C-alpha atoms as a PDB file:
ATOM      1  CA  MET A   1      60.400 104.042  55.898  1.00  0.00           C
ATOM      2  CA  LYS A   2      60.912 103.045  52.226  1.00  0.00           C
ATOM      3  CA  ILE A   3      59.181 106.216  51.018  1.00  0.00           C
ATOM      4  CA  LEU A   4      61.329 108.356  53.307  1.00  0.00           C
ATOM      5  CA  LEU A   5      64.464 106.563  52.074  1.00  0.00           C
ATOM      6  CA  CYS A   6      63.467 107.237  48.471  1.00  0.00           C
ATOM      7  CA  LYS A   7      62.792 110.922  49.177  1.00  0.00           C
ATOM      8  CA  VAL A   8      65.926 111.501  51.260  1.00  0.00           C
ATOM      9  CA  VAL A   9      68.504 109.380  49.432  1.00  0.00           C
ATOM     10  CA  LEU A  10      67.385 108.395  45.955  1.00  0.00           C
ATOM     11  CA  LEU A  11      65.722 111.612  44.830  1.00  0.00           C
ATOM     12  CA  PRO A  12      68.757 113.837  45.560  1.00  0.00           C
ATOM     13  CA  ALA A  13      71.067 111.253  43.965  1.00  0.00           C
ATOM     14  CA  LEU A  14      68.897 111.200  40.848  1.00  0.00           C
ATOM     15  CA  LEU A  15      68.862 114.994  40.689  1.00  0.00           C
ATOM     16  CA  LEU A  16      72.643 115.153  41.012  1.00  0.00           C
ATOM     17  CA  MET A  17      73.020 112.626  38.213  1.00  0.00           C
ATOM     18  CA  MET A  18      70.687 114.629  35.992  1.00  0.00           C
ATOM     19  CA  ILE A  19      72.532 117.881  36.716  1.00  0.00           C
ATOM     20  CA  GLY A  20      75.883 116.214  36.053  1.00  0.00           C
ATOM     21  CA  CYS A  21      74.695 114.747  32.773  1.00  0.00           C
ATOM     22  CA  SER A  22      73.097 117.912  31.515  1.00  0.00           C
ATOM     23  CA  SER A  23      75.567 120.514  32.748  1.00  0.00           C
ATOM     24  CA  GLY A  24      76.842 121.174  29.259  1.00  0.00           C
ATOM     25  CA  ASP A  25      80.452 120.854  30.380  1.00  0.00           C
ATOM     26  CA  PRO A  26      82.577 119.637  27.473  1.00  0.00           C
ATOM     27  CA  PRO A  27      84.535 116.407  27.684  1.00  0.00           C
ATOM     28  CA  TYR A  28      88.002 117.304  28.873  1.00  0.00           C
ATOM     29  CA  LEU A  29      90.467 114.586  29.702  1.00  0.00           C
ATOM     30  CA  PHE A  30      94.131 113.893  30.230  1.00  0.00           C
ATOM     31  CA  GLU A  31      93.418 110.274  29.377  1.00  0.00           C
ATOM     32  CA  SER A  32      91.230 109.329  26.446  1.00  0.00           C
ATOM     33  CA  PRO A  33      91.377 106.884  23.539  1.00  0.00           C
ATOM     34  CA  PHE A  34      92.818 109.743  21.470  1.00  0.00           C
ATOM     35  CA  VAL A  35      95.687 110.307  23.938  1.00  0.00           C
ATOM     36  CA  THR A  36      96.264 106.549  24.132  1.00  0.00           C
ATOM     37  CA  ALA A  37      96.512 106.344  20.321  1.00  0.00           C
ATOM     38  CA  LEU A  38      98.973 109.270  20.274  1.00  0.00           C
ATOM     39  CA  THR A  39     101.033 107.638  23.020  1.00  0.00           C
ATOM     40  CA  GLU A  40     101.242 104.362  21.093  1.00  0.00           C
ATOM     41  CA  LEU A  41     102.187 106.185  17.898  1.00  0.00           C
ATOM     42  CA  SER A  42     104.884 108.137  19.768  1.00  0.00           C
ATOM     43  CA  LYS A  43     106.476 104.859  20.844  1.00  0.00           C
ATOM     44  CA  LYS A  44     106.641 103.192  17.450  1.00  0.00           C
ATOM     45  CA  GLY A  45     107.192 105.973  14.910  1.00  0.00           C
ATOM     46  CA  PRO A  46     109.134 105.835  12.659  1.00  0.00           C
ATOM     47  CA  ARG A  47     110.442 109.333  11.980  1.00  0.00           C
ATOM     48  CA  ASN A  48     108.406 111.311   9.450  1.00  0.00           C
ATOM     49  CA  THR A  49     105.305 109.173   9.927  1.00  0.00           C
ATOM     50  CA  ARG A  50     102.431 111.264   8.566  1.00  0.00           C
ATOM     51  CA  ILE A  51      98.936 110.547   9.710  1.00  0.00           C
ATOM     52  CA  HIS A  52      95.557 112.243   9.529  1.00  0.00           C
ATOM     53  CA  LEU A  53      94.499 113.259  13.016  1.00  0.00           C
ATOM     54  CA  ASN A  54      90.970 111.995  12.331  1.00  0.00           C
ATOM     55  CA  THR A  55      92.270 108.412  12.234  1.00  0.00           C
ATOM     56  CA  LEU A  56      93.264 108.694  15.901  1.00  0.00           C
ATOM     57  CA  THR A  57      89.974 110.068  17.230  1.00  0.00           C
ATOM     58  CA  ASN A  58      86.882 108.154  18.292  1.00  0.00           C
ATOM     59  CA  PHE A  59      84.554 111.162  18.399  1.00  0.00           C
ATOM     60  CA  SER A  60      82.988 113.393  15.800  1.00  0.00           C
ATOM     61  CA  TRP A  61      84.644 116.748  15.058  1.00  0.00           C
ATOM     62  CA  ASP A  62      85.101 119.204  12.204  1.00  0.00           C
ATOM     63  CA  GLN A  63      87.846 121.512  13.455  1.00  0.00           C
ATOM     64  CA  VAL A  64      90.718 121.394  15.972  1.00  0.00           C
ATOM     65  CA  PHE A  65      92.425 124.333  17.679  1.00  0.00           C
ATOM     66  CA  TYR A  66      95.951 124.292  19.102  1.00  0.00           C
ATOM     67  CA  PHE A  67      96.893 126.412  22.139  1.00  0.00           C
ATOM     68  CA  ASN A  68     100.271 126.696  23.832  1.00  0.00           C
ATOM     69  CA  TYR A  69     100.976 127.148  27.504  1.00  0.00           C
ATOM     70  CA  GLY A  70     100.192 130.707  28.515  1.00  0.00           C
ATOM     71  CA  SER A  71      96.962 131.274  26.565  1.00  0.00           C
ATOM     72  CA  SER A  72      94.302 132.982  28.642  1.00  0.00           C
ATOM     73  CA  LYS A  73      90.888 131.432  29.177  1.00  0.00           C
ATOM     74  CA  GLU A  74      89.316 134.515  27.581  1.00  0.00           C
ATOM     75  CA  GLU A  75      91.505 134.111  24.477  1.00  0.00           C
ATOM     76  CA  ILE A  76      90.693 130.431  24.194  1.00  0.00           C
ATOM     77  CA  ASN A  77      86.947 130.935  24.647  1.00  0.00           C
ATOM     78  CA  GLU A  78      86.946 133.811  22.146  1.00  0.00           C
ATOM     79  CA  ILE A  79      89.025 132.024  19.491  1.00  0.00           C
ATOM     80  CA  ILE A  80      86.998 128.805  19.574  1.00  0.00           C
ATOM     81  CA  GLY A  81      83.740 130.764  19.732  1.00  0.00           C
ATOM     82  CA  ALA A  82      82.447 128.652  22.609  1.00  0.00           C
ATOM     83  CA  ARG A  83      82.899 128.410  26.334  1.00  0.00           C
ATOM     84  CA  LEU A  84      85.482 125.807  27.236  1.00  0.00           C
ATOM     85  CA  PHE A  85      86.548 127.441  30.479  1.00  0.00           C
ATOM     86  CA  GLY A  86      83.624 128.446  32.666  1.00  0.00           C
ATOM     87  CA  ASP A  87      83.825 130.267  35.983  1.00  0.00           C
ATOM     88  CA  ASP A  88      84.405 127.141  38.038  1.00  0.00           C
ATOM     89  CA  PHE A  89      84.906 124.531  35.353  1.00  0.00           C
ATOM     90  CA  LEU A  90      88.522 123.458  34.751  1.00  0.00           C
ATOM     91  CA  LYS A  91      89.938 125.819  37.377  1.00  0.00           C
ATOM     92  CA  SER A  92      92.736 123.321  38.013  1.00  0.00           C
ATOM     93  CA  PHE A  93      94.042 123.927  34.475  1.00  0.00           C
ATOM     94  CA  LEU A  94      94.342 127.665  34.975  1.00  0.00           C
ATOM     95  CA  ASP A  95      96.626 129.907  36.986  1.00  0.00           C
ATOM     96  CA  ASN A  96      95.133 133.404  37.280  1.00  0.00           C
ATOM     97  CA  GLY A  97      93.082 132.710  34.150  1.00  0.00           C
ATOM     98  CA  ILE A  98      96.062 131.401  32.136  1.00  0.00           C
ATOM     99  CA  TYR A  99      96.315 127.850  30.769  1.00  0.00           C
ATOM    100  CA  PHE A 100      99.416 126.460  32.488  1.00  0.00           C
ATOM    101  CA  GLN A 101      99.713 122.747  31.733  1.00  0.00           C
ATOM    102  CA  GLN A 102     103.057 121.288  30.607  1.00  0.00           C
ATOM    103  CA  GLY A 103     101.869 120.621  27.093  1.00  0.00           C
ATOM    104  CA  PRO A 104      99.558 122.173  24.543  1.00  0.00           C
ATOM    105  CA  LEU A 105      95.784 122.146  24.605  1.00  0.00           C
ATOM    106  CA  LEU A 106      93.902 120.672  21.637  1.00  0.00           C
ATOM    107  CA  VAL A 107      90.253 121.703  21.404  1.00  0.00           C
ATOM    108  CA  PHE A 108      88.132 119.713  18.967  1.00  0.00           C
ATOM    109  CA  MET A 109      84.938 121.374  17.762  1.00  0.00           C
ATOM    110  CA  LYS A 110      81.837 120.008  16.068  1.00  0.00           C
ATOM    111  CA  GLY A 111      79.307 122.441  14.639  1.00  0.00           C
ATOM    112  CA  GLY A 112      80.536 125.285  16.835  1.00  0.00           C
ATOM    113  CA  SER A 113      80.466 123.304  20.098  1.00  0.00           C
ATOM    114  CA  VAL A 114      83.312 121.709  22.008  1.00  0.00           C
ATOM    115  CA  ALA A 115      83.424 118.004  21.151  1.00  0.00           C
ATOM    116  CA  HIS A 116      86.595 117.087  23.042  1.00  0.00           C
ATOM    117  CA  ALA A 117      89.563 118.867  24.571  1.00  0.00           C
ATOM    118  CA  VAL A 118      92.812 117.364  25.759  1.00  0.00           C
ATOM    119  CA  SER A 119      95.984 118.586  27.358  1.00  0.00           C
ATOM    120  CA  ILE A 120      98.877 116.786  25.664  1.00  0.00           C
ATOM    121  CA  THR A 121     101.414 116.146  28.408  1.00  0.00           C
ATOM    122  CA  PRO A 122     104.534 113.995  28.711  1.00  0.00           C
ATOM    123  CA  PRO A 123     105.305 111.316  27.730  1.00  0.00           C
ATOM    124  CA  VAL A 124     103.649 112.594  24.533  1.00  0.00           C
ATOM    125  CA  TYR A 125     105.109 115.775  23.073  1.00  0.00           C
ATOM    126  CA  PHE A 126     103.293 117.902  20.523  1.00  0.00           C
ATOM    127  CA  SER A 127     104.252 121.149  18.815  1.00  0.00           C
ATOM    128  CA  GLY A 128     102.319 123.532  16.648  1.00  0.00           C
ATOM    129  CA  THR A 129     101.503 127.111  15.830  1.00  0.00           C
ATOM    130  CA  ASP A 130      99.835 128.784  18.787  1.00  0.00           C
ATOM    131  CA  LYS A 131      96.136 129.545  18.278  1.00  0.00           C
ATOM    132  CA  ALA A 132      96.074 127.798  14.875  1.00  0.00           C
ATOM    133  CA  ASN A 133      93.104 125.756  13.701  1.00  0.00           C
ATOM    134  CA  TYR A 134      92.843 122.855  11.313  1.00  0.00           C
ATOM    135  CA  SER A 135      89.902 121.244   9.558  1.00  0.00           C
ATOM    136  CA  TYR A 136      88.897 117.595   9.889  1.00  0.00           C
ATOM    137  CA  SER A 137      90.134 116.805   6.384  1.00  0.00           C
ATOM    138  CA  SER A 138      93.418 118.733   6.577  1.00  0.00           C
ATOM    139  CA  ALA A 139      94.588 118.100  10.147  1.00  0.00           C
ATOM    140  CA  ARG A 140      97.654 115.924   9.654  1.00  0.00           C
ATOM    141  CA  ILE A 141     100.521 115.354  12.042  1.00  0.00           C
ATOM    142  CA  ILE A 142     104.087 114.154  11.567  1.00  0.00           C
ATOM    143  CA  SER A 143     106.572 112.477  13.898  1.00  0.00           C
ATOM    144  CA  LYS A 144     109.545 114.817  13.980  1.00  0.00           C
ATOM    145  CA  ASN A 145     112.607 113.553  15.797  1.00  0.00           C
ATOM    146  CA  ASP A 146     115.167 110.879  15.011  1.00  0.00           C
ATOM    147  CA  ASP A 147     114.602 107.149  15.248  1.00  0.00           C
ATOM    148  CA  PRO A 148     114.118 105.226  17.479  1.00  0.00           C
ATOM    149  CA  GLY A 149     111.978 107.829  19.273  1.00  0.00           C
ATOM    150  CA  PRO A 150     110.037 108.575  21.383  1.00  0.00           C
ATOM    151  CA  TYR A 151     108.625 110.931  18.816  1.00  0.00           C
ATOM    152  CA  VAL A 152     107.469 114.522  18.990  1.00  0.00           C
ATOM    153  CA  PHE A 153     104.406 115.313  16.899  1.00  0.00           C
ATOM    154  CA  GLY A 154     103.610 118.467  15.047  1.00  0.00           C
ATOM    155  CA  PHE A 155     100.933 119.646  12.696  1.00  0.00           C
ATOM    156  CA  ILE A 156     101.776 119.711   9.004  1.00  0.00           C
ATOM    157  CA  GLU A 157     100.973 123.193   7.766  1.00  0.00           C
END
């Protein structure tokens, strides 16, 4: 009975865990320590606060891409040079192959692979140049609107 239980229950569970861990799907979250740090910064400001984006991240990256609402999955995959949107992966973020979330998409890359990707949605607001990319050392953001906030962030060109 124990052997049958192991074969029927534990073996498939182990295989599913292995497939899930090795699927190669990039980390993609609405909530992450990065989003939490942005949210906290958006509450306290003050206006014109300038900060390097790398001080808000807890993962390794060397480049970040900014995409507005309306970018196609093909455009995004081509511009970043990797496959963020697969055939089934992240379907809920697309409408007929178009990124349709309320806020922009930030895709962080490390060595040509997706390190992290987040959709910046309210209560955090973020603006930038569509399809722009920034390096780890130059990616700085600024809080844009009047005190006392909440603040809108944008990349410093």
